[in-house]
Amino acid sequence: MRSASADEAGVRQIPVVLTGVRALLAPVAVLLAVFYPSHIAFGTCLVVALLSDIFDGILARRLNVATPNLRRLDSIADTIFYVCIAFAAWYLYPSVIAEHIVALVALGALELARYVFDLRKFGREASYHMWSSKLWGLALFAGLFSLLALGVAGVAVTAAIYLGVIADIEGLAISMILPEWESDVPTFVHAHRRRAGSLNSMYR
């Protein structure tokens, strides 16, 4: 029989499994776009990804396993999934992408700038889980669901792009003012307070 400790260890792995689900759905989105562009299938992928993103964080905190490494893994899984689902949107709806090309180029440039800046300054990618990023995640889900599951390109798509620009600007600003790498920084205001606290502790 399995011991209680083994069962507990298994339960504590659930957040990791849920995070892995999003990474596994990423190539599925690409394959769907190329070989089987089904509205229902895309809708299912997006809903499953959203639910896994919500509940991996909730369970990680309740199980006390919300470590910085798990938070980094969560961010990486999000990036992989949404890059692949964005490819699906481009592949199936190039005219919609062309309509928003300027804003999308700005968003892509900010994403790249953030990654390069964080890598040079901290030696790793950021994992702030900002409130603006959470809002962007919901907007991204709504925009992509509207486009890929309903076939409708409207305000939801536009909102997702511009909220992404705002979130990336805040993330870059946070990286600029933090003296060292940290996870879970909700807003620029929180980052400023942490920087002030770090500086005060240095001069005491």
N, C-alpha and C. Protein backbone atom coordinates (compact mmCIF):
# COMPACT_ATOMS: atom_id res chain seq x y z
N MET A 1 0.84 -1.20 0.00
CA MET A 1 0.00 0.00 0.00
C MET A 1 0.88 1.25 0.00
N ARG A 2 0.36 2.27 -0.63
CA ARG A 2 1.07 3.55 -0.65
C ARG A 2 1.02 4.19 0.72
N SER A 3 2.12 4.79 1.13
CA SER A 3 2.16 5.47 2.42
C SER A 3 1.48 6.82 2.31
N ALA A 4 1.14 7.36 3.49
CA ALA A 4 0.50 8.68 3.51
C ALA A 4 1.44 9.74 2.96
N SER A 5 2.75 9.59 3.26
CA SER A 5 3.71 10.57 2.76
C SER A 5 3.81 10.53 1.25
N ALA A 6 3.71 9.32 0.66
CA ALA A 6 3.74 9.20 -0.80
C ALA A 6 2.52 9.84 -1.42
N ASP A 7 1.37 9.62 -0.80
CA ASP A 7 0.14 10.25 -1.30
C ASP A 7 0.23 11.77 -1.21
N GLU A 8 0.77 12.25 -0.10
CA GLU A 8 0.91 13.69 0.07
C GLU A 8 1.86 14.27 -0.98
N ALA A 9 2.96 13.55 -1.24
CA ALA A 9 3.91 14.01 -2.26
C ALA A 9 3.26 14.06 -3.63
N GLY A 10 2.39 13.07 -3.90
CA GLY A 10 1.68 13.07 -5.18
C GLY A 10 0.75 14.25 -5.31
N VAL A 11 0.05 14.57 -4.24
CA VAL A 11 -0.87 15.71 -4.25
C VAL A 11 -0.11 17.00 -4.47
N ARG A 12 1.07 17.11 -3.88
CA ARG A 12 1.87 18.33 -3.99
C ARG A 12 2.40 18.54 -5.41
N GLN A 13 2.34 17.49 -6.23
CA GLN A 13 2.79 17.61 -7.62
C GLN A 13 1.68 18.10 -8.56
N ILE A 14 0.47 18.19 -8.05
CA ILE A 14 -0.66 18.59 -8.92
C ILE A 14 -0.43 19.95 -9.57
N PRO A 15 0.04 20.97 -8.85
CA PRO A 15 0.29 22.26 -9.52
C PRO A 15 1.29 22.15 -10.67
N VAL A 16 2.31 21.30 -10.50
CA VAL A 16 3.29 21.11 -11.58
C VAL A 16 2.63 20.45 -12.78
N VAL A 17 1.77 19.47 -12.52
CA VAL A 17 1.06 18.79 -13.60
C VAL A 17 0.16 19.76 -14.35
N LEU A 18 -0.56 20.60 -13.61
CA LEU A 18 -1.45 21.57 -14.26
C LEU A 18 -0.65 22.57 -15.10
N THR A 19 0.50 22.97 -14.59
CA THR A 19 1.36 23.87 -15.37
C THR A 19 1.85 23.17 -16.64
N GLY A 20 2.20 21.90 -16.50
CA GLY A 20 2.65 21.13 -17.66
C GLY A 20 1.58 20.96 -18.71
N VAL A 21 0.32 20.94 -18.28
CA VAL A 21 -0.78 20.81 -19.23
C VAL A 21 -0.74 21.94 -20.26
N ARG A 22 -0.49 23.17 -19.81
CA ARG A 22 -0.43 24.29 -20.75
C ARG A 22 0.70 24.13 -21.74
N ALA A 23 1.85 23.68 -21.27
CA ALA A 23 2.98 23.46 -22.17
C ALA A 23 2.66 22.38 -23.20
N LEU A 24 1.96 21.34 -22.77
CA LEU A 24 1.60 20.26 -23.69
C LEU A 24 0.53 20.70 -24.70
N LEU A 25 -0.31 21.64 -24.31
CA LEU A 25 -1.34 22.13 -25.23
C LEU A 25 -0.76 23.03 -26.32
N ALA A 26 0.43 23.55 -26.10
CA ALA A 26 1.05 24.46 -27.07
C ALA A 26 1.22 23.80 -28.45
N PRO A 27 1.89 22.64 -28.55
CA PRO A 27 2.00 22.01 -29.87
C PRO A 27 0.66 21.54 -30.42
N VAL A 28 -0.28 21.24 -29.53
CA VAL A 28 -1.62 20.85 -29.98
C VAL A 28 -2.26 22.00 -30.75
N ALA A 29 -2.08 23.23 -30.25
CA ALA A 29 -2.64 24.40 -30.93
C ALA A 29 -2.05 24.56 -32.33
N VAL A 30 -0.75 24.33 -32.45
CA VAL A 30 -0.10 24.43 -33.76
C VAL A 30 -0.64 23.36 -34.71
N LEU A 31 -0.74 22.14 -34.23
CA LEU A 31 -1.24 21.05 -35.06
C LEU A 31 -2.69 21.29 -35.48
N LEU A 32 -3.49 21.83 -34.57
CA LEU A 32 -4.87 22.15 -34.91
C LEU A 32 -4.93 23.19 -36.03
N ALA A 33 -4.10 24.21 -35.92
CA ALA A 33 -4.11 25.28 -36.91
C ALA A 33 -3.75 24.75 -38.30
N VAL A 34 -2.78 23.86 -38.34
CA VAL A 34 -2.27 23.38 -39.62
C VAL A 34 -3.14 22.28 -40.22
N PHE A 35 -3.62 21.37 -39.36
CA PHE A 35 -4.29 20.18 -39.89
C PHE A 35 -5.78 20.08 -39.58
N TYR A 36 -6.24 20.74 -38.51
CA TYR A 36 -7.64 20.56 -38.12
C TYR A 36 -8.15 21.81 -37.41
N PRO A 37 -8.36 22.89 -38.15
CA PRO A 37 -8.77 24.17 -37.53
C PRO A 37 -10.23 24.16 -37.09
N SER A 38 -10.46 23.52 -35.94
CA SER A 38 -11.81 23.38 -35.41
C SER A 38 -12.08 24.44 -34.34
N HIS A 39 -13.18 25.16 -34.47
CA HIS A 39 -13.55 26.15 -33.46
C HIS A 39 -13.73 25.49 -32.09
N ILE A 40 -14.37 24.33 -32.08
CA ILE A 40 -14.61 23.64 -30.80
C ILE A 40 -13.30 23.20 -30.17
N ALA A 41 -12.39 22.67 -30.98
CA ALA A 41 -11.12 22.20 -30.44
C ALA A 41 -10.30 23.36 -29.88
N PHE A 42 -10.27 24.48 -30.60
CA PHE A 42 -9.54 25.64 -30.10
C PHE A 42 -10.17 26.17 -28.82
N GLY A 43 -11.49 26.22 -28.80
CA GLY A 43 -12.18 26.68 -27.59
C GLY A 43 -11.86 25.80 -26.40
N THR A 44 -11.82 24.49 -26.63
CA THR A 44 -11.50 23.55 -25.55
C THR A 44 -10.08 23.77 -25.05
N CYS A 45 -9.14 23.91 -25.97
CA CYS A 45 -7.74 24.16 -25.57
C CYS A 45 -7.61 25.42 -24.73
N LEU A 46 -8.27 26.47 -25.17
CA LEU A 46 -8.17 27.74 -24.44
C LEU A 46 -8.80 27.66 -23.06
N VAL A 47 -9.94 27.02 -22.96
CA VAL A 47 -10.61 26.89 -21.65
C VAL A 47 -9.77 26.04 -20.70
N VAL A 48 -9.26 24.91 -21.20
CA VAL A 48 -8.42 24.04 -20.36
C VAL A 48 -7.17 24.79 -19.91
N ALA A 49 -6.55 25.54 -20.82
CA ALA A 49 -5.36 26.31 -20.47
C ALA A 49 -5.67 27.35 -19.40
N LEU A 50 -6.79 28.06 -19.56
CA LEU A 50 -7.17 29.07 -18.58
C LEU A 50 -7.42 28.45 -17.22
N LEU A 51 -8.16 27.35 -17.18
CA LEU A 51 -8.46 26.71 -15.90
C LEU A 51 -7.19 26.17 -15.23
N SER A 52 -6.29 25.62 -16.03
CA SER A 52 -5.03 25.12 -15.46
C SER A 52 -4.21 26.27 -14.89
N ASP A 53 -4.25 27.41 -15.56
CA ASP A 53 -3.51 28.59 -15.10
C ASP A 53 -4.08 29.12 -13.80
N ILE A 54 -5.39 29.08 -13.67
CA ILE A 54 -6.03 29.57 -12.45
C ILE A 54 -5.77 28.64 -11.28
N PHE A 55 -5.98 27.34 -11.50
CA PHE A 55 -5.96 26.41 -10.39
C PHE A 55 -4.54 25.96 -10.00
N ASP A 56 -3.56 26.06 -10.90
CA ASP A 56 -2.22 25.69 -10.45
C ASP A 56 -1.72 26.66 -9.39
N GLY A 57 -2.04 27.95 -9.56
CA GLY A 57 -1.63 28.93 -8.56
C GLY A 57 -2.38 28.77 -7.25
N ILE A 58 -3.70 28.55 -7.34
CA ILE A 58 -4.51 28.37 -6.13
C ILE A 58 -4.02 27.17 -5.33
N LEU A 59 -3.83 26.04 -6.02
CA LEU A 59 -3.40 24.83 -5.34
C LEU A 59 -1.98 24.94 -4.81
N ALA A 60 -1.11 25.62 -5.57
CA ALA A 60 0.28 25.78 -5.11
C ALA A 60 0.32 26.54 -3.80
N ARG A 61 -0.50 27.59 -3.69
CA ARG A 61 -0.51 28.36 -2.44
C ARG A 61 -1.12 27.55 -1.30
N ARG A 62 -2.20 26.81 -1.58
CA ARG A 62 -2.84 26.03 -0.51
C ARG A 62 -1.96 24.87 -0.05
N LEU A 63 -1.18 24.31 -0.98
CA LEU A 63 -0.30 23.19 -0.63
C LEU A 63 1.07 23.66 -0.18
N ASN A 64 1.26 24.99 -0.17
CA ASN A 64 2.51 25.58 0.28
C ASN A 64 3.70 25.14 -0.59
N VAL A 65 3.48 25.08 -1.90
CA VAL A 65 4.55 24.72 -2.82
C VAL A 65 4.78 25.81 -3.86
N ALA A 66 4.31 27.03 -3.57
CA ALA A 66 4.44 28.14 -4.52
C ALA A 66 5.84 28.74 -4.43
N THR A 67 6.82 27.95 -4.83
CA THR A 67 8.21 28.38 -4.78
C THR A 67 8.54 29.28 -5.98
N PRO A 68 9.63 30.06 -5.90
CA PRO A 68 10.03 30.87 -7.06
C PRO A 68 10.26 30.04 -8.32
N ASN A 69 10.80 28.84 -8.17
CA ASN A 69 11.02 27.99 -9.36
C ASN A 69 9.71 27.57 -10.00
N LEU A 70 8.73 27.26 -9.18
CA LEU A 70 7.42 26.89 -9.73
C LEU A 70 6.78 28.10 -10.40
N ARG A 71 6.96 29.28 -9.83
CA ARG A 71 6.41 30.49 -10.44
C ARG A 71 7.09 30.76 -11.78
N ARG A 72 8.39 30.51 -11.86
CA ARG A 72 9.10 30.66 -13.13
C ARG A 72 8.58 29.66 -14.15
N LEU A 73 8.38 28.42 -13.72
CA LEU A 73 7.85 27.39 -14.62
C LEU A 73 6.48 27.78 -15.13
N ASP A 74 5.66 28.36 -14.27
CA ASP A 74 4.34 28.82 -14.65
C ASP A 74 4.43 29.89 -15.75
N SER A 75 5.34 30.85 -15.58
CA SER A 75 5.51 31.90 -16.57
C SER A 75 6.00 31.34 -17.90
N ILE A 76 6.93 30.39 -17.84
CA ILE A 76 7.45 29.78 -19.06
C ILE A 76 6.36 29.02 -19.80
N ALA A 77 5.54 28.28 -19.05
CA ALA A 77 4.44 27.53 -19.68
C ALA A 77 3.44 28.48 -20.33
N ASP A 78 3.15 29.59 -19.66
CA ASP A 78 2.25 30.59 -20.26
C ASP A 78 2.80 31.11 -21.57
N THR A 79 4.10 31.43 -21.56
CA THR A 79 4.73 31.99 -22.76
C THR A 79 4.69 30.99 -23.91
N ILE A 80 5.05 29.74 -23.64
CA ILE A 80 5.05 28.72 -24.69
C ILE A 80 3.66 28.53 -25.26
N PHE A 81 2.66 28.44 -24.39
CA PHE A 81 1.30 28.20 -24.88
C PHE A 81 0.82 29.37 -25.73
N TYR A 82 1.00 30.59 -25.23
CA TYR A 82 0.43 31.73 -25.96
C TYR A 82 1.22 32.07 -27.22
N VAL A 83 2.50 31.74 -27.27
CA VAL A 83 3.23 31.90 -28.53
C VAL A 83 2.66 30.96 -29.59
N CYS A 84 2.38 29.73 -29.19
CA CYS A 84 1.83 28.75 -30.14
C CYS A 84 0.40 29.09 -30.54
N ILE A 85 -0.40 29.56 -29.61
CA ILE A 85 -1.78 29.91 -29.94
C ILE A 85 -1.81 31.18 -30.78
N ALA A 86 -0.83 32.07 -30.57
CA ALA A 86 -0.71 33.26 -31.41
C ALA A 86 -0.33 32.87 -32.84
N PHE A 87 0.53 31.85 -32.96
CA PHE A 87 0.86 31.33 -34.30
C PHE A 87 -0.40 30.83 -35.00
N ALA A 88 -1.25 30.13 -34.25
CA ALA A 88 -2.50 29.63 -34.82
C ALA A 88 -3.36 30.77 -35.33
N ALA A 89 -3.42 31.85 -34.53
CA ALA A 89 -4.21 33.01 -34.96
C ALA A 89 -3.63 33.62 -36.23
N TRP A 90 -2.31 33.75 -36.29
CA TRP A 90 -1.65 34.30 -37.48
C TRP A 90 -1.87 33.40 -38.70
N TYR A 91 -1.74 32.11 -38.50
CA TYR A 91 -1.85 31.14 -39.60
C TYR A 91 -3.25 31.12 -40.19
N LEU A 92 -4.25 31.22 -39.32
CA LEU A 92 -5.64 31.10 -39.77
C LEU A 92 -6.28 32.44 -40.12
N TYR A 93 -5.82 33.51 -39.49
CA TYR A 93 -6.44 34.83 -39.70
C TYR A 93 -5.37 35.89 -39.98
N PRO A 94 -4.62 35.73 -41.06
CA PRO A 94 -3.54 36.69 -41.34
C PRO A 94 -4.03 38.13 -41.54
N SER A 95 -5.26 38.28 -42.05
CA SER A 95 -5.78 39.63 -42.26
C SER A 95 -6.01 40.35 -40.94
N VAL A 96 -6.42 39.63 -39.92
CA VAL A 96 -6.62 40.23 -38.60
C VAL A 96 -5.27 40.66 -38.02
N ILE A 97 -4.27 39.82 -38.19
CA ILE A 97 -2.93 40.17 -37.72
C ILE A 97 -2.41 41.40 -38.45
N ALA A 98 -2.62 41.43 -39.76
CA ALA A 98 -2.16 42.57 -40.56
C ALA A 98 -2.83 43.87 -40.11
N GLU A 99 -4.08 43.78 -39.72
CA GLU A 99 -4.83 44.96 -39.28
C GLU A 99 -4.23 45.57 -38.02
N HIS A 100 -3.62 44.73 -37.19
CA HIS A 100 -3.06 45.20 -35.91
C HIS A 100 -1.54 45.11 -35.90
N ILE A 101 -0.92 45.11 -37.08
CA ILE A 101 0.51 44.80 -37.16
C ILE A 101 1.37 45.78 -36.38
N VAL A 102 1.06 47.07 -36.39
CA VAL A 102 1.90 48.05 -35.68
C VAL A 102 1.91 47.78 -34.18
N ALA A 103 0.72 47.60 -33.62
CA ALA A 103 0.62 47.32 -32.18
C ALA A 103 1.26 45.99 -31.84
N LEU A 104 1.12 44.99 -32.70
CA LEU A 104 1.70 43.68 -32.45
C LEU A 104 3.22 43.73 -32.51
N VAL A 105 3.77 44.51 -33.44
CA VAL A 105 5.22 44.67 -33.50
C VAL A 105 5.73 45.35 -32.23
N ALA A 106 5.00 46.36 -31.76
CA ALA A 106 5.38 47.03 -30.51
C ALA A 106 5.34 46.06 -29.34
N LEU A 107 4.30 45.24 -29.30
CA LEU A 107 4.17 44.24 -28.23
C LEU A 107 5.31 43.23 -28.29
N GLY A 108 5.61 42.75 -29.49
CA GLY A 108 6.71 41.80 -29.64
C GLY A 108 8.04 42.40 -29.25
N ALA A 109 8.27 43.66 -29.63
CA ALA A 109 9.52 44.34 -29.28
C ALA A 109 9.65 44.51 -27.77
N LEU A 110 8.55 44.84 -27.11
CA LEU A 110 8.57 44.99 -25.65
C LEU A 110 8.83 43.65 -24.97
N GLU A 111 8.21 42.58 -25.47
CA GLU A 111 8.45 41.25 -24.90
C GLU A 111 9.92 40.88 -25.02
N LEU A 112 10.50 41.13 -26.20
CA LEU A 112 11.91 40.80 -26.42
C LEU A 112 12.81 41.67 -25.55
N ALA A 113 12.49 42.97 -25.47
CA ALA A 113 13.28 43.88 -24.66
C ALA A 113 13.26 43.46 -23.20
N ARG A 114 12.11 43.07 -22.71
CA ARG A 114 12.00 42.62 -21.32
C ARG A 114 12.86 41.38 -21.09
N TYR A 115 12.78 40.42 -22.00
CA TYR A 115 13.53 39.18 -21.82
C TYR A 115 15.03 39.44 -21.81
N VAL A 116 15.50 40.24 -22.76
CA VAL A 116 16.92 40.53 -22.86
C VAL A 116 17.39 41.32 -21.64
N PHE A 117 16.62 42.33 -21.25
CA PHE A 117 16.99 43.15 -20.10
C PHE A 117 17.06 42.30 -18.83
N ASP A 118 16.03 41.48 -18.60
CA ASP A 118 16.01 40.65 -17.39
C ASP A 118 17.16 39.65 -17.39
N LEU A 119 17.44 39.08 -18.55
CA LEU A 119 18.52 38.09 -18.64
C LEU A 119 19.87 38.73 -18.34
N ARG A 120 20.08 39.95 -18.85
CA ARG A 120 21.36 40.63 -18.62
C ARG A 120 21.48 41.12 -17.17
N LYS A 121 20.38 41.59 -16.61
CA LYS A 121 20.45 42.15 -15.25
C LYS A 121 20.39 41.08 -14.17
N PHE A 122 19.49 40.10 -14.35
CA PHE A 122 19.25 39.12 -13.29
C PHE A 122 19.77 37.72 -13.62
N GLY A 123 20.10 37.48 -14.90
CA GLY A 123 20.54 36.15 -15.29
C GLY A 123 19.41 35.16 -15.48
N ARG A 124 18.19 35.65 -15.47
CA ARG A 124 17.00 34.81 -15.67
C ARG A 124 15.83 35.69 -16.08
N GLU A 125 14.78 35.04 -16.58
CA GLU A 125 13.60 35.79 -16.99
C GLU A 125 12.80 36.23 -15.77
N ALA A 126 12.03 37.30 -15.94
CA ALA A 126 11.19 37.79 -14.85
C ALA A 126 10.01 36.88 -14.61
N SER A 127 9.50 36.90 -13.38
CA SER A 127 8.31 36.12 -13.03
C SER A 127 7.53 36.90 -11.99
N TYR A 128 7.03 38.07 -12.41
CA TYR A 128 6.41 38.99 -11.46
C TYR A 128 4.96 38.67 -11.14
N HIS A 129 4.24 38.04 -12.08
CA HIS A 129 2.81 37.77 -11.90
C HIS A 129 2.06 39.03 -11.47
N MET A 130 2.31 40.09 -12.21
CA MET A 130 1.70 41.38 -11.92
C MET A 130 0.18 41.33 -12.09
N TRP A 131 -0.50 42.23 -11.42
CA TRP A 131 -1.95 42.33 -11.61
C TRP A 131 -2.27 42.70 -13.05
N SER A 132 -1.45 43.55 -13.66
CA SER A 132 -1.68 43.92 -15.05
C SER A 132 -1.49 42.72 -15.97
N SER A 133 -0.56 41.83 -15.62
CA SER A 133 -0.35 40.61 -16.41
C SER A 133 -1.53 39.66 -16.29
N LYS A 134 -2.09 39.58 -15.08
CA LYS A 134 -3.27 38.74 -14.89
C LYS A 134 -4.44 39.27 -15.71
N LEU A 135 -4.62 40.59 -15.71
CA LEU A 135 -5.67 41.19 -16.52
C LEU A 135 -5.41 40.94 -17.99
N TRP A 136 -4.14 41.05 -18.40
CA TRP A 136 -3.79 40.76 -19.78
C TRP A 136 -4.09 39.31 -20.13
N GLY A 137 -3.80 38.41 -19.20
CA GLY A 137 -4.08 36.99 -19.45
C GLY A 137 -5.55 36.74 -19.71
N LEU A 138 -6.41 37.38 -18.93
CA LEU A 138 -7.85 37.22 -19.15
C LEU A 138 -8.28 37.84 -20.48
N ALA A 139 -7.69 39.01 -20.80
CA ALA A 139 -8.01 39.66 -22.07
C ALA A 139 -7.50 38.85 -23.25
N LEU A 140 -6.34 38.24 -23.07
CA LEU A 140 -5.77 37.40 -24.13
C LEU A 140 -6.65 36.18 -24.37
N PHE A 141 -7.12 35.59 -23.28
CA PHE A 141 -8.05 34.46 -23.42
C PHE A 141 -9.30 34.90 -24.17
N ALA A 142 -9.88 36.03 -23.77
CA ALA A 142 -11.11 36.51 -24.40
C ALA A 142 -10.90 36.81 -25.88
N GLY A 143 -9.77 37.48 -26.20
CA GLY A 143 -9.51 37.83 -27.58
C GLY A 143 -9.27 36.62 -28.46
N LEU A 144 -8.47 35.68 -27.97
CA LEU A 144 -8.18 34.48 -28.76
C LEU A 144 -9.38 33.55 -28.84
N PHE A 145 -10.17 33.49 -27.77
CA PHE A 145 -11.39 32.68 -27.82
C PHE A 145 -12.36 33.26 -28.85
N SER A 146 -12.48 34.59 -28.84
CA SER A 146 -13.35 35.25 -29.81
C SER A 146 -12.91 34.94 -31.24
N LEU A 147 -11.60 34.97 -31.46
CA LEU A 147 -11.09 34.78 -32.82
C LEU A 147 -11.08 33.31 -33.23
N LEU A 148 -10.49 32.45 -32.39
CA LEU A 148 -10.28 31.06 -32.79
C LEU A 148 -11.47 30.15 -32.53
N ALA A 149 -12.24 30.45 -31.49
CA ALA A 149 -13.39 29.58 -31.16
C ALA A 149 -14.69 30.09 -31.77
N LEU A 150 -14.79 31.41 -31.96
CA LEU A 150 -16.03 31.98 -32.49
C LEU A 150 -15.87 32.56 -33.89
N GLY A 151 -14.62 32.76 -34.31
CA GLY A 151 -14.39 33.33 -35.63
C GLY A 151 -14.72 34.80 -35.72
N VAL A 152 -14.66 35.49 -34.58
CA VAL A 152 -15.02 36.91 -34.54
C VAL A 152 -13.80 37.73 -34.13
N ALA A 153 -13.42 38.67 -34.96
CA ALA A 153 -12.33 39.59 -34.63
C ALA A 153 -12.93 40.95 -34.30
N GLY A 154 -12.88 41.32 -33.06
CA GLY A 154 -13.51 42.58 -32.65
C GLY A 154 -12.73 43.26 -31.57
N VAL A 155 -13.44 43.93 -30.68
CA VAL A 155 -12.80 44.73 -29.64
C VAL A 155 -12.00 43.85 -28.67
N ALA A 156 -12.40 42.59 -28.51
CA ALA A 156 -11.68 41.71 -27.58
C ALA A 156 -10.24 41.50 -28.05
N VAL A 157 -10.05 41.37 -29.35
CA VAL A 157 -8.70 41.19 -29.89
C VAL A 157 -7.87 42.46 -29.69
N THR A 158 -8.45 43.59 -29.99
CA THR A 158 -7.75 44.87 -29.83
C THR A 158 -7.38 45.10 -28.36
N ALA A 159 -8.31 44.84 -27.46
CA ALA A 159 -8.05 45.04 -26.03
C ALA A 159 -6.91 44.15 -25.55
N ALA A 160 -6.88 42.91 -26.03
CA ALA A 160 -5.82 41.99 -25.62
C ALA A 160 -4.45 42.51 -26.01
N ILE A 161 -4.35 43.08 -27.20
CA ILE A 161 -3.05 43.58 -27.68
C ILE A 161 -2.59 44.77 -26.85
N TYR A 162 -3.47 45.74 -26.65
CA TYR A 162 -3.05 46.96 -25.95
C TYR A 162 -2.85 46.75 -24.45
N LEU A 163 -3.60 45.85 -23.86
CA LEU A 163 -3.35 45.52 -22.45
C LEU A 163 -2.01 44.82 -22.30
N GLY A 164 -1.63 44.05 -23.33
CA GLY A 164 -0.30 43.43 -23.31
C GLY A 164 0.81 44.46 -23.35
N VAL A 165 0.63 45.50 -24.16
CA VAL A 165 1.62 46.58 -24.23
C VAL A 165 1.76 47.25 -22.87
N ILE A 166 0.63 47.53 -22.22
CA ILE A 166 0.66 48.18 -20.90
C ILE A 166 1.36 47.29 -19.87
N ALA A 167 1.03 46.00 -19.87
CA ALA A 167 1.64 45.08 -18.91
C ALA A 167 3.14 44.97 -19.13
N ASP A 168 3.57 44.95 -20.39
CA ASP A 168 5.01 44.84 -20.67
C ASP A 168 5.75 46.10 -20.26
N ILE A 169 5.15 47.25 -20.45
CA ILE A 169 5.78 48.50 -20.02
C ILE A 169 5.95 48.50 -18.50
N GLU A 170 4.93 48.06 -17.79
CA GLU A 170 5.04 48.00 -16.33
C GLU A 170 6.11 46.98 -15.91
N GLY A 171 6.13 45.82 -16.58
CA GLY A 171 7.12 44.81 -16.24
C GLY A 171 8.54 45.29 -16.47
N LEU A 172 8.76 46.00 -17.57
CA LEU A 172 10.08 46.53 -17.85
C LEU A 172 10.47 47.58 -16.81
N ALA A 173 9.51 48.41 -16.42
CA ALA A 173 9.78 49.43 -15.40
C ALA A 173 10.14 48.78 -14.07
N ILE A 174 9.44 47.70 -13.72
CA ILE A 174 9.74 47.00 -12.47
C ILE A 174 11.16 46.44 -12.50
N SER A 175 11.54 45.84 -13.62
CA SER A 175 12.89 45.28 -13.75
C SER A 175 13.95 46.36 -13.64
N MET A 176 13.64 47.53 -14.12
CA MET A 176 14.62 48.63 -14.07
C MET A 176 14.88 49.10 -12.65
N ILE A 177 13.87 49.06 -11.79
CA ILE A 177 14.07 49.62 -10.45
C ILE A 177 14.41 48.58 -9.39
N LEU A 178 14.12 47.30 -9.63
CA LEU A 178 14.47 46.30 -8.63
C LEU A 178 15.97 46.05 -8.63
N PRO A 179 16.61 46.04 -7.47
CA PRO A 179 18.06 45.82 -7.43
C PRO A 179 18.44 44.36 -7.67
N GLU A 180 17.53 43.43 -7.39
CA GLU A 180 17.82 42.01 -7.61
C GLU A 180 16.54 41.28 -7.99
N TRP A 181 16.70 40.06 -8.53
CA TRP A 181 15.55 39.29 -9.02
C TRP A 181 14.59 38.95 -7.88
N GLU A 182 13.31 39.12 -8.15
CA GLU A 182 12.26 38.72 -7.21
C GLU A 182 11.10 38.16 -8.00
N SER A 183 10.34 37.30 -7.35
CA SER A 183 9.11 36.80 -7.96
C SER A 183 7.91 37.41 -7.24
N ASP A 184 6.78 37.39 -7.92
CA ASP A 184 5.53 37.87 -7.33
C ASP A 184 5.62 39.33 -6.88
N VAL A 185 5.72 40.21 -7.85
CA VAL A 185 5.71 41.65 -7.60
C VAL A 185 4.44 42.19 -8.26
N PRO A 186 3.39 42.45 -7.50
CA PRO A 186 2.08 42.75 -8.10
C PRO A 186 2.03 43.98 -8.99
N THR A 187 2.70 45.06 -8.58
CA THR A 187 2.63 46.31 -9.34
C THR A 187 3.96 47.06 -9.25
N PHE A 188 4.06 48.11 -10.05
CA PHE A 188 5.22 49.00 -9.99
C PHE A 188 5.35 49.63 -8.61
N VAL A 189 4.23 49.96 -7.98
CA VAL A 189 4.25 50.56 -6.65
C VAL A 189 4.89 49.60 -5.65
N HIS A 190 4.52 48.31 -5.72
CA HIS A 190 5.12 47.32 -4.83
C HIS A 190 6.63 47.22 -5.06
N ALA A 191 7.04 47.26 -6.33
CA ALA A 191 8.46 47.19 -6.66
C ALA A 191 9.21 48.39 -6.08
N HIS A 192 8.61 49.56 -6.18
CA HIS A 192 9.23 50.77 -5.65
C HIS A 192 9.41 50.66 -4.14
N ARG A 193 8.39 50.13 -3.46
CA ARG A 193 8.48 49.97 -2.01
C ARG A 193 9.56 48.97 -1.63
N ARG A 194 9.66 47.88 -2.40
CA ARG A 194 10.68 46.87 -2.10
C ARG A 194 12.08 47.43 -2.33
N ARG A 195 12.23 48.24 -3.38
CA ARG A 195 13.53 48.86 -3.64
C ARG A 195 13.89 49.80 -2.49
N ALA A 196 12.91 50.60 -2.06
CA ALA A 196 13.16 51.52 -0.95
C ALA A 196 13.54 50.75 0.30
N GLY A 197 12.85 49.63 0.55
CA GLY A 197 13.17 48.82 1.71
C GLY A 197 14.55 48.23 1.64
N SER A 198 14.96 47.77 0.44
CA SER A 198 16.29 47.19 0.26
C SER A 198 17.37 48.25 0.49
N LEU A 199 17.14 49.44 -0.05
CA LEU A 199 18.13 50.51 0.13
C LEU A 199 18.24 50.93 1.58
N ASN A 200 17.10 51.00 2.27
CA ASN A 200 17.13 51.37 3.69
C ASN A 200 17.90 50.35 4.52
N SER A 201 17.71 49.06 4.21
CA SER A 201 18.39 48.02 4.97
C SER A 201 19.90 48.04 4.72
N MET A 202 20.31 48.50 3.52
CA MET A 202 21.73 48.56 3.19
C MET A 202 22.45 49.64 3.99
N TYR A 203 21.74 50.72 4.30
CA TYR A 203 22.38 51.86 4.96
C TYR A 203 22.14 51.91 6.46
N ARG A 204 21.55 50.88 7.01
CA ARG A 204 21.35 50.86 8.46
C ARG A 204 22.63 50.44 9.17
